[in-house]
N, C-alpha and C. Protein backbone atom coordinates (compact mmCIF):
# COMPACT_ATOMS: atom_id res chain seq x y z
N UNK A 1 170.21 25.72 43.78
CA UNK A 1 170.06 27.13 43.87
C UNK A 1 169.42 27.72 42.62
N UNK A 2 169.66 27.04 41.54
CA UNK A 2 169.07 27.54 40.32
C UNK A 2 167.56 27.47 40.39
N UNK A 3 167.03 26.46 41.05
CA UNK A 3 165.59 26.36 41.19
C UNK A 3 165.07 27.44 42.10
N UNK A 4 165.81 27.81 43.11
CA UNK A 4 165.37 28.88 44.00
C UNK A 4 165.35 30.20 43.25
N UNK A 5 166.33 30.44 42.46
CA UNK A 5 166.37 31.68 41.69
C UNK A 5 165.23 31.69 40.68
N UNK A 6 165.01 30.54 40.04
CA UNK A 6 163.91 30.46 39.08
C UNK A 6 162.58 30.68 39.77
N UNK A 7 162.43 30.16 40.96
CA UNK A 7 161.21 30.32 41.73
C UNK A 7 161.04 31.77 42.15
N UNK A 8 162.11 32.46 42.51
CA UNK A 8 162.06 33.87 42.89
C UNK A 8 161.67 34.72 41.69
N UNK A 9 162.20 34.39 40.52
CA UNK A 9 161.85 35.12 39.31
C UNK A 9 160.38 34.92 38.96
N UNK A 10 159.89 33.71 39.14
CA UNK A 10 158.50 33.42 38.86
C UNK A 10 157.59 34.17 39.82
N UNK A 11 157.96 34.22 41.10
CA UNK A 11 157.17 34.95 42.10
C UNK A 11 157.14 36.45 41.77
N UNK A 12 158.29 36.99 41.39
CA UNK A 12 158.36 38.41 41.05
C UNK A 12 157.50 38.69 39.83
N UNK A 13 157.59 37.81 38.83
CA UNK A 13 156.80 37.97 37.63
C UNK A 13 155.30 37.87 37.93
N UNK A 14 154.93 36.93 38.79
CA UNK A 14 153.52 36.77 39.17
C UNK A 14 153.03 37.99 39.93
N UNK A 15 153.87 38.54 40.81
CA UNK A 15 153.49 39.71 41.58
C UNK A 15 153.29 40.92 40.66
N UNK A 16 154.19 41.10 39.69
CA UNK A 16 154.06 42.21 38.75
C UNK A 16 152.79 42.07 37.93
N UNK A 17 152.47 40.85 37.49
CA UNK A 17 151.25 40.64 36.74
C UNK A 17 150.03 40.86 37.61
N UNK A 18 150.10 40.47 38.89
CA UNK A 18 148.98 40.66 39.82
C UNK A 18 148.70 42.14 40.04
N UNK A 19 149.74 42.92 40.17
CA UNK A 19 149.58 44.36 40.35
C UNK A 19 148.96 44.95 39.09
N UNK A 20 149.40 44.50 37.97
CA UNK A 20 148.86 45.00 36.72
C UNK A 20 147.39 44.62 36.60
N UNK A 21 147.03 43.44 36.96
CA UNK A 21 145.64 43.02 36.88
C UNK A 21 144.79 43.83 37.86
N UNK A 22 145.31 44.00 39.08
CA UNK A 22 144.57 44.78 40.07
C UNK A 22 144.39 46.22 39.61
N UNK A 23 145.44 46.79 39.04
CA UNK A 23 145.34 48.15 38.54
C UNK A 23 144.27 48.25 37.46
N UNK A 24 144.26 47.27 36.55
CA UNK A 24 143.26 47.27 35.49
C UNK A 24 141.85 47.15 36.07
N UNK A 25 141.67 46.27 37.05
CA UNK A 25 140.35 46.09 37.67
C UNK A 25 139.92 47.38 38.37
N UNK A 26 140.85 48.03 39.08
CA UNK A 26 140.53 49.30 39.77
C UNK A 26 140.15 50.39 38.76
N UNK A 27 140.92 50.50 37.70
CA UNK A 27 140.64 51.52 36.69
C UNK A 27 139.29 51.25 36.04
N UNK A 28 139.03 49.98 35.72
CA UNK A 28 137.75 49.62 35.10
C UNK A 28 136.59 49.91 36.03
N UNK A 29 136.74 49.63 37.32
CA UNK A 29 135.66 49.88 38.29
C UNK A 29 135.40 51.38 38.44
N UNK A 30 136.46 52.16 38.52
CA UNK A 30 136.30 53.62 38.65
C UNK A 30 135.67 54.19 37.38
N UNK A 31 136.10 53.72 36.23
CA UNK A 31 135.51 54.19 34.97
C UNK A 31 134.03 53.84 34.89
N UNK A 32 133.67 52.63 35.28
CA UNK A 32 132.26 52.23 35.25
C UNK A 32 131.44 53.08 36.22
N UNK A 33 132.00 53.36 37.38
CA UNK A 33 131.29 54.21 38.35
C UNK A 33 131.14 55.63 37.80
N UNK A 34 132.16 56.13 37.12
CA UNK A 34 132.09 57.47 36.53
C UNK A 34 131.03 57.54 35.44
N UNK A 35 130.99 56.54 34.58
CA UNK A 35 129.97 56.50 33.53
C UNK A 35 128.59 56.41 34.15
N UNK A 36 128.44 55.60 35.17
CA UNK A 36 127.14 55.48 35.86
C UNK A 36 126.74 56.79 36.52
N UNK A 37 127.72 57.47 37.13
CA UNK A 37 127.44 58.76 37.76
C UNK A 37 126.99 59.80 36.74
N UNK A 38 127.68 59.88 35.61
CA UNK A 38 127.31 60.82 34.56
C UNK A 38 125.93 60.48 34.00
N UNK A 39 125.68 59.18 33.80
CA UNK A 39 124.37 58.77 33.28
C UNK A 39 123.25 59.11 34.25
N UNK A 40 123.55 59.16 35.53
CA UNK A 40 122.55 59.53 36.53
C UNK A 40 122.38 61.06 36.61
N UNK A 41 123.48 61.80 36.51
CA UNK A 41 123.43 63.25 36.68
C UNK A 41 122.86 64.00 35.48
N UNK A 42 123.11 63.52 34.28
CA UNK A 42 122.66 64.23 33.08
C UNK A 42 121.14 64.46 33.10
N UNK A 43 120.31 63.45 33.33
CA UNK A 43 118.87 63.72 33.37
C UNK A 43 118.48 64.63 34.53
N UNK A 44 119.15 64.51 35.67
CA UNK A 44 118.81 65.36 36.82
C UNK A 44 119.12 66.82 36.52
N UNK A 45 120.25 67.08 35.91
CA UNK A 45 120.63 68.46 35.60
C UNK A 45 119.78 69.02 34.47
N UNK A 46 119.53 68.21 33.44
CA UNK A 46 118.75 68.72 32.30
C UNK A 46 117.31 69.03 32.68
N UNK A 47 116.74 68.33 33.63
CA UNK A 47 115.36 68.63 34.04
C UNK A 47 115.27 69.94 34.81
N UNK A 48 116.40 70.48 35.26
CA UNK A 48 116.39 71.76 35.97
C UNK A 48 116.45 72.95 35.02
N UNK A 49 116.68 72.73 33.75
CA UNK A 49 116.72 73.81 32.76
C UNK A 49 115.31 74.39 32.59
N UNK A 50 115.21 75.69 32.34
CA UNK A 50 113.89 76.30 32.16
C UNK A 50 113.19 75.75 30.92
N UNK A 51 111.88 75.63 31.02
CA UNK A 51 111.09 75.14 29.89
C UNK A 51 110.94 76.24 28.85
N UNK A 52 110.43 75.89 27.68
CA UNK A 52 110.31 76.86 26.59
C UNK A 52 109.35 78.00 26.93
N UNK A 53 108.28 77.71 27.68
CA UNK A 53 107.34 78.77 28.03
C UNK A 53 107.98 79.75 29.02
N UNK A 54 108.84 79.26 29.89
CA UNK A 54 109.54 80.16 30.83
C UNK A 54 110.55 81.01 30.07
N UNK A 55 111.27 80.42 29.15
CA UNK A 55 112.22 81.19 28.35
C UNK A 55 111.51 82.25 27.52
N UNK A 56 110.31 81.95 27.04
CA UNK A 56 109.55 82.92 26.26
C UNK A 56 109.15 84.12 27.10
N UNK A 57 108.93 83.93 28.39
CA UNK A 57 108.54 85.03 29.26
C UNK A 57 109.74 85.80 29.80
N UNK A 58 110.95 85.38 29.48
CA UNK A 58 112.13 86.05 30.03
C UNK A 58 112.37 87.41 29.39
N UNK A 59 111.76 87.65 28.23
CA UNK A 59 111.84 88.97 27.61
C UNK A 59 110.45 89.36 27.11
N UNK A 60 110.26 90.66 26.98
CA UNK A 60 109.01 91.19 26.45
C UNK A 60 109.35 92.24 25.40
N UNK A 61 108.77 92.11 24.22
CA UNK A 61 108.99 93.09 23.17
C UNK A 61 107.74 93.94 23.04
N UNK A 62 107.90 95.26 23.03
CA UNK A 62 106.77 96.17 22.97
C UNK A 62 106.91 97.14 21.80
N UNK A 63 105.80 97.36 21.12
CA UNK A 63 105.72 98.38 20.08
C UNK A 63 105.25 99.66 20.75
N UNK A 64 106.09 100.68 20.72
CA UNK A 64 105.78 101.93 21.43
C UNK A 64 105.39 103.05 20.46
N UNK A 65 105.15 102.71 19.22
CA UNK A 65 104.88 103.73 18.21
C UNK A 65 103.58 104.49 18.47
N UNK A 66 102.62 103.90 19.15
CA UNK A 66 101.32 104.54 19.38
C UNK A 66 101.28 105.38 20.66
N UNK A 67 102.34 105.38 21.43
CA UNK A 67 102.35 106.13 22.70
C UNK A 67 102.73 107.58 22.41
N UNK A 68 101.76 108.46 22.62
CA UNK A 68 101.97 109.90 22.41
C UNK A 68 102.72 110.49 23.60
N UNK A 69 103.40 111.64 23.42
CA UNK A 69 104.03 112.30 24.56
C UNK A 69 103.01 112.58 25.66
N UNK A 70 103.37 112.24 26.87
CA UNK A 70 102.48 112.41 28.02
C UNK A 70 101.67 111.17 28.33
N UNK A 71 101.70 110.18 27.47
CA UNK A 71 100.94 108.95 27.69
C UNK A 71 101.86 107.84 28.20
N UNK A 72 101.21 106.84 28.81
CA UNK A 72 101.94 105.66 29.30
C UNK A 72 101.10 104.43 29.00
N UNK A 73 101.76 103.30 28.96
CA UNK A 73 101.05 102.03 28.81
C UNK A 73 101.50 101.08 29.91
N UNK A 74 100.63 100.12 30.19
CA UNK A 74 100.98 99.03 31.10
C UNK A 74 101.18 97.79 30.25
N UNK A 75 102.22 97.05 30.54
CA UNK A 75 102.48 95.77 29.87
C UNK A 75 102.84 94.76 30.94
N UNK A 76 103.13 93.55 30.54
CA UNK A 76 103.50 92.50 31.48
C UNK A 76 104.90 92.01 31.14
N UNK A 77 105.74 91.94 32.15
CA UNK A 77 107.10 91.43 32.02
C UNK A 77 107.36 90.50 33.19
N UNK A 78 107.61 89.22 32.90
CA UNK A 78 107.84 88.21 33.93
C UNK A 78 106.69 88.17 34.95
N UNK A 79 105.49 88.23 34.43
CA UNK A 79 104.25 88.16 35.21
C UNK A 79 104.07 89.34 36.16
N UNK A 80 104.76 90.44 35.90
CA UNK A 80 104.60 91.65 36.70
C UNK A 80 104.32 92.82 35.76
N UNK A 81 103.60 93.83 36.26
CA UNK A 81 103.33 94.98 35.40
C UNK A 81 104.58 95.82 35.15
N UNK A 82 104.65 96.37 33.97
CA UNK A 82 105.73 97.29 33.62
C UNK A 82 105.06 98.52 32.98
N UNK A 83 105.58 99.70 33.31
CA UNK A 83 105.05 100.94 32.77
C UNK A 83 106.05 101.51 31.76
N UNK A 84 105.54 101.93 30.61
CA UNK A 84 106.36 102.60 29.61
C UNK A 84 105.71 103.95 29.35
N UNK A 85 106.44 105.01 29.65
CA UNK A 85 105.89 106.37 29.53
C UNK A 85 106.74 107.19 28.57
N UNK A 86 106.04 107.92 27.69
CA UNK A 86 106.67 108.87 26.78
C UNK A 86 106.55 110.24 27.43
N UNK A 87 107.62 110.70 28.04
CA UNK A 87 107.59 111.95 28.79
C UNK A 87 107.52 113.16 27.87
N UNK A 88 106.77 114.16 28.30
CA UNK A 88 106.74 115.43 27.57
C UNK A 88 107.97 116.24 27.97
N UNK A 89 108.27 117.26 27.23
CA UNK A 89 109.40 118.11 27.57
C UNK A 89 109.19 118.75 28.94
N UNK A 90 107.93 119.13 29.25
CA UNK A 90 107.63 119.71 30.55
C UNK A 90 107.93 118.70 31.68
N UNK A 91 107.54 117.44 31.49
CA UNK A 91 107.82 116.42 32.52
C UNK A 91 109.32 116.18 32.68
N UNK A 92 110.04 116.21 31.58
CA UNK A 92 111.50 116.06 31.64
C UNK A 92 112.12 117.22 32.40
N UNK A 93 111.67 118.44 32.10
CA UNK A 93 112.18 119.63 32.79
C UNK A 93 111.87 119.59 34.27
N UNK A 94 110.65 119.17 34.63
CA UNK A 94 110.28 119.05 36.04
C UNK A 94 111.17 118.04 36.76
N UNK A 95 111.41 116.91 36.13
CA UNK A 95 112.25 115.88 36.75
C UNK A 95 113.69 116.36 36.91
N UNK A 96 114.20 117.07 35.90
CA UNK A 96 115.58 117.56 35.98
C UNK A 96 115.74 118.72 36.95
N UNK A 97 114.65 119.42 37.25
CA UNK A 97 114.71 120.57 38.16
C UNK A 97 114.79 120.16 39.64
N UNK A 98 114.46 118.93 39.95
CA UNK A 98 114.46 118.47 41.34
C UNK A 98 115.90 118.25 41.81
N UNK A 99 116.30 118.90 42.92
CA UNK A 99 117.65 118.67 43.44
C UNK A 99 117.77 117.22 43.96
N UNK A 100 118.81 116.53 43.54
CA UNK A 100 118.98 115.13 43.95
C UNK A 100 119.11 114.99 45.46
N UNK A 101 119.61 116.03 46.12
CA UNK A 101 119.76 115.96 47.58
C UNK A 101 118.42 115.91 48.30
N UNK A 102 117.34 116.31 47.62
CA UNK A 102 116.02 116.29 48.24
C UNK A 102 115.32 114.94 48.08
N UNK A 103 115.91 114.01 47.35
CA UNK A 103 115.28 112.73 47.07
C UNK A 103 115.72 111.66 48.07
N UNK A 104 114.80 110.80 48.43
CA UNK A 104 115.08 109.68 49.33
C UNK A 104 116.02 108.68 48.66
N UNK A 105 115.78 108.43 47.39
CA UNK A 105 116.60 107.51 46.60
C UNK A 105 117.12 108.32 45.41
N UNK A 106 118.23 109.05 45.60
CA UNK A 106 118.66 110.01 44.58
C UNK A 106 119.13 109.36 43.28
N UNK A 107 118.38 109.64 42.22
CA UNK A 107 118.74 109.24 40.86
C UNK A 107 118.24 110.32 39.92
N UNK A 108 119.07 110.68 38.96
CA UNK A 108 118.63 111.65 37.97
C UNK A 108 117.82 110.94 36.90
N UNK A 109 117.06 111.71 36.14
CA UNK A 109 116.29 111.13 35.03
C UNK A 109 117.24 110.49 34.03
N UNK A 110 118.40 111.11 33.84
CA UNK A 110 119.40 110.59 32.91
C UNK A 110 119.86 109.19 33.32
N UNK A 111 119.97 108.94 34.62
CA UNK A 111 120.37 107.62 35.12
C UNK A 111 119.27 106.58 34.93
N UNK A 112 118.04 107.03 34.83
CA UNK A 112 116.89 106.12 34.76
C UNK A 112 116.42 105.87 33.33
N UNK A 113 117.02 106.55 32.36
CA UNK A 113 116.64 106.38 30.96
C UNK A 113 117.88 106.07 30.13
N UNK A 114 117.68 105.67 28.90
CA UNK A 114 118.81 105.39 28.01
C UNK A 114 119.30 106.68 27.36
N UNK A 115 120.57 106.72 27.07
CA UNK A 115 121.18 107.90 26.46
C UNK A 115 120.54 108.19 25.10
N UNK A 116 120.18 109.44 24.92
CA UNK A 116 119.56 109.86 23.67
C UNK A 116 118.07 109.58 23.60
N UNK A 117 117.53 108.95 24.62
CA UNK A 117 116.09 108.63 24.64
C UNK A 117 115.52 108.96 26.03
N UNK A 118 115.83 110.15 26.49
CA UNK A 118 115.43 110.57 27.82
C UNK A 118 113.92 110.69 27.97
N UNK A 119 113.21 110.77 26.87
CA UNK A 119 111.75 110.90 26.95
C UNK A 119 111.07 109.55 27.21
N UNK A 120 111.78 108.43 27.07
CA UNK A 120 111.18 107.11 27.30
C UNK A 120 111.60 106.58 28.65
N UNK A 121 110.62 106.47 29.55
CA UNK A 121 110.87 105.95 30.89
C UNK A 121 110.20 104.58 31.02
N UNK A 122 111.00 103.57 31.31
CA UNK A 122 110.51 102.20 31.48
C UNK A 122 110.76 101.79 32.92
N UNK A 123 109.69 101.46 33.64
CA UNK A 123 109.83 101.05 35.04
C UNK A 123 108.92 99.86 35.33
N UNK A 124 109.28 99.12 36.34
CA UNK A 124 108.41 98.06 36.81
C UNK A 124 107.22 98.73 37.50
N UNK A 125 106.04 98.20 37.32
CA UNK A 125 104.84 98.77 37.91
C UNK A 125 104.52 98.16 39.25
N UNK A 126 105.53 98.08 40.11
CA UNK A 126 105.37 97.47 41.42
C UNK A 126 105.93 98.44 42.46
N UNK A 127 105.07 98.87 43.39
CA UNK A 127 105.50 99.79 44.45
C UNK A 127 106.57 99.10 45.29
N UNK A 128 107.61 99.83 45.62
CA UNK A 128 108.72 99.26 46.38
C UNK A 128 108.43 99.15 47.87
N UNK A 129 107.23 99.55 48.28
CA UNK A 129 106.86 99.41 49.69
C UNK A 129 106.39 97.99 49.97
N UNK A 130 105.24 97.60 49.45
CA UNK A 130 104.71 96.26 49.69
C UNK A 130 104.23 95.56 48.43
N UNK A 131 104.62 96.07 47.26
CA UNK A 131 104.33 95.37 46.02
C UNK A 131 103.00 95.64 45.37
N UNK A 132 102.29 96.68 45.76
CA UNK A 132 101.04 97.04 45.09
C UNK A 132 101.36 97.63 43.71
N UNK A 133 100.34 97.75 42.87
CA UNK A 133 100.52 98.34 41.55
C UNK A 133 100.09 99.80 41.62
N UNK A 134 101.01 100.74 41.42
CA UNK A 134 100.65 102.16 41.45
C UNK A 134 99.74 102.55 40.29
N UNK A 135 99.01 103.63 40.48
CA UNK A 135 98.16 104.20 39.44
C UNK A 135 98.92 105.30 38.73
N UNK A 136 98.45 105.65 37.54
CA UNK A 136 99.05 106.76 36.82
C UNK A 136 99.47 106.41 35.42
N UNK A 137 99.43 105.13 35.06
CA UNK A 137 99.82 104.74 33.71
C UNK A 137 98.65 104.84 32.74
N UNK A 138 97.45 104.57 33.21
CA UNK A 138 96.28 104.61 32.33
C UNK A 138 95.66 106.01 32.32
N UNK A 139 94.96 106.31 31.26
CA UNK A 139 94.29 107.60 31.11
C UNK A 139 93.28 107.80 32.23
N UNK A 140 93.35 108.96 32.90
CA UNK A 140 92.40 109.31 33.95
C UNK A 140 92.75 108.81 35.34
N UNK A 141 93.79 108.00 35.48
CA UNK A 141 94.16 107.53 36.81
C UNK A 141 94.90 108.63 37.57
N UNK A 142 94.73 108.68 38.90
CA UNK A 142 95.46 109.69 39.68
C UNK A 142 96.96 109.46 39.59
N UNK A 143 97.69 110.55 39.43
CA UNK A 143 99.15 110.47 39.30
C UNK A 143 99.88 110.96 40.54
N UNK A 144 99.15 111.29 41.58
CA UNK A 144 99.79 111.73 42.81
C UNK A 144 100.18 113.20 42.78
N UNK A 145 100.76 113.64 43.86
CA UNK A 145 101.10 115.06 44.02
C UNK A 145 102.22 115.53 43.10
N UNK A 146 103.00 114.59 42.55
CA UNK A 146 104.16 114.98 41.76
C UNK A 146 104.04 114.62 40.28
N UNK A 147 102.83 114.22 39.86
CA UNK A 147 102.55 114.00 38.45
C UNK A 147 103.07 112.71 37.85
N UNK A 148 103.53 111.80 38.67
CA UNK A 148 104.05 110.54 38.14
C UNK A 148 103.11 109.38 38.38
N UNK A 149 103.31 108.72 39.50
CA UNK A 149 102.49 107.56 39.87
C UNK A 149 102.06 107.70 41.32
N UNK A 150 100.93 107.08 41.65
CA UNK A 150 100.40 107.11 43.01
C UNK A 150 100.02 105.70 43.41
N UNK A 151 100.52 105.23 44.55
CA UNK A 151 100.18 103.90 45.03
C UNK A 151 99.03 104.03 46.04
N UNK A 152 97.85 103.52 45.70
CA UNK A 152 96.68 103.69 46.57
C UNK A 152 96.72 102.82 47.83
N UNK A 153 97.58 101.83 47.89
CA UNK A 153 97.61 100.94 49.06
C UNK A 153 98.05 101.68 50.32
N UNK A 154 99.15 102.41 50.23
CA UNK A 154 99.68 103.08 51.43
C UNK A 154 100.10 104.52 51.17
N UNK A 155 99.77 105.06 49.98
CA UNK A 155 99.95 106.48 49.73
C UNK A 155 101.33 106.93 49.28
N UNK A 156 102.07 106.09 48.58
CA UNK A 156 103.37 106.52 48.05
C UNK A 156 103.14 107.34 46.78
N UNK A 157 103.87 108.45 46.67
CA UNK A 157 103.78 109.35 45.52
C UNK A 157 105.12 109.34 44.79
N UNK A 158 105.06 109.15 43.48
CA UNK A 158 106.26 109.13 42.64
C UNK A 158 106.17 110.30 41.66
N UNK A 159 107.33 110.86 41.29
CA UNK A 159 107.32 111.98 40.35
C UNK A 159 107.34 111.48 38.91
N UNK A 160 107.52 112.39 37.96
CA UNK A 160 107.46 112.03 36.54
C UNK A 160 108.60 111.09 36.12
N UNK A 161 109.65 111.01 36.92
CA UNK A 161 110.76 110.10 36.64
C UNK A 161 110.61 108.80 37.45
N UNK A 162 109.42 108.60 38.06
CA UNK A 162 109.11 107.41 38.87
C UNK A 162 110.03 107.29 40.08
N UNK A 163 110.41 108.45 40.64
CA UNK A 163 111.23 108.48 41.86
C UNK A 163 110.32 108.73 43.05
N UNK A 164 110.58 108.05 44.15
CA UNK A 164 109.75 108.21 45.35
C UNK A 164 109.94 109.62 45.91
N UNK A 165 108.82 110.27 46.18
CA UNK A 165 108.86 111.63 46.71
C UNK A 165 108.14 111.75 48.04
N UNK A 166 107.13 110.89 48.28
CA UNK A 166 106.35 110.99 49.50
C UNK A 166 105.72 109.64 49.78
N UNK A 167 105.64 109.26 51.04
CA UNK A 167 105.00 108.01 51.40
C UNK A 167 106.00 106.98 51.91
N UNK A 168 105.53 105.78 52.19
CA UNK A 168 106.39 104.78 52.84
C UNK A 168 107.35 104.01 51.92
N UNK A 169 107.21 104.12 50.62
CA UNK A 169 108.09 103.37 49.73
C UNK A 169 109.55 103.78 49.95
N UNK A 170 110.45 102.82 50.10
CA UNK A 170 111.85 103.16 50.39
C UNK A 170 112.67 103.57 49.18
N UNK A 171 112.31 103.06 47.99
CA UNK A 171 113.13 103.33 46.80
C UNK A 171 112.24 103.69 45.60
N UNK A 172 112.89 104.15 44.56
CA UNK A 172 112.22 104.49 43.31
C UNK A 172 111.66 103.23 42.66
N UNK A 173 110.72 103.40 41.73
CA UNK A 173 110.27 102.26 40.95
C UNK A 173 111.46 101.71 40.18
N UNK A 174 111.59 100.40 40.15
CA UNK A 174 112.74 99.75 39.53
C UNK A 174 112.72 99.91 38.01
N UNK A 175 113.89 100.17 37.45
CA UNK A 175 114.05 100.24 36.00
C UNK A 175 114.65 98.90 35.55
N UNK A 176 113.90 98.11 34.76
CA UNK A 176 114.43 96.83 34.30
C UNK A 176 115.45 97.04 33.18
N UNK A 177 116.20 95.99 32.87
CA UNK A 177 117.10 96.05 31.72
C UNK A 177 116.24 96.10 30.45
N UNK A 178 116.55 97.02 29.57
CA UNK A 178 115.81 97.11 28.31
C UNK A 178 116.69 97.76 27.27
N UNK A 179 116.32 97.58 26.03
CA UNK A 179 117.04 98.21 24.92
C UNK A 179 116.07 98.48 23.78
N UNK A 180 116.42 99.43 22.96
CA UNK A 180 115.63 99.72 21.76
C UNK A 180 116.14 98.83 20.63
N UNK A 181 115.26 98.03 20.06
CA UNK A 181 115.64 97.20 18.91
C UNK A 181 115.37 97.94 17.61
N UNK A 182 114.53 98.96 17.67
CA UNK A 182 114.29 99.86 16.54
C UNK A 182 113.78 101.17 17.15
N UNK A 183 113.43 102.14 16.32
CA UNK A 183 112.94 103.42 16.84
C UNK A 183 111.58 103.27 17.52
N UNK A 184 110.85 102.21 17.20
CA UNK A 184 109.49 102.05 17.75
C UNK A 184 109.31 100.76 18.54
N UNK A 185 110.39 100.05 18.82
CA UNK A 185 110.28 98.77 19.53
C UNK A 185 111.33 98.70 20.63
N UNK A 186 110.87 98.28 21.82
CA UNK A 186 111.82 98.04 22.91
C UNK A 186 111.73 96.57 23.33
N UNK A 187 112.87 96.07 23.80
CA UNK A 187 112.95 94.70 24.30
C UNK A 187 113.32 94.79 25.77
N UNK A 188 112.43 94.32 26.62
CA UNK A 188 112.66 94.35 28.07
C UNK A 188 113.16 92.98 28.49
N UNK A 189 114.22 92.97 29.26
CA UNK A 189 114.77 91.71 29.77
C UNK A 189 116.08 91.33 29.15
């Protein structure tokens, strides 16, 4: 009987060691698969990051010191035109005099400009109807019936606050995210 007991102890010991070996093999296999998976995913994920030239176009810095009241400039932001206009006091008064209830896309001039800088209007230069570039930013271009911008493609008229007033465009010209980095420089994006 002593041999049977010794044999049972040996079998139990062998089984415990076998489980331990199997556990180690399973853990090692899962770890190797995990390392292989990470080694495969890292290059795939990193190649999806934007390149340096794309990151450079994600913001646009503009010097606005040369823009006189009543003038506007066209610039490029993310490969699309952007208009920066220095509104005159008369244009500000005209925009503020319009009842918001009469607008298709009601927004006040205050909502479309930064606090304390209501004379600086920054908008995307893309008509919200079909994506044409409205006129009115350059000297001598028609500004439409409301003194802002005019889209020659389908006849949308925008006021001095770049709000849609007449024509097929459904919404106002979009105001991108921007901030003043100094009194004469804005950063768009």
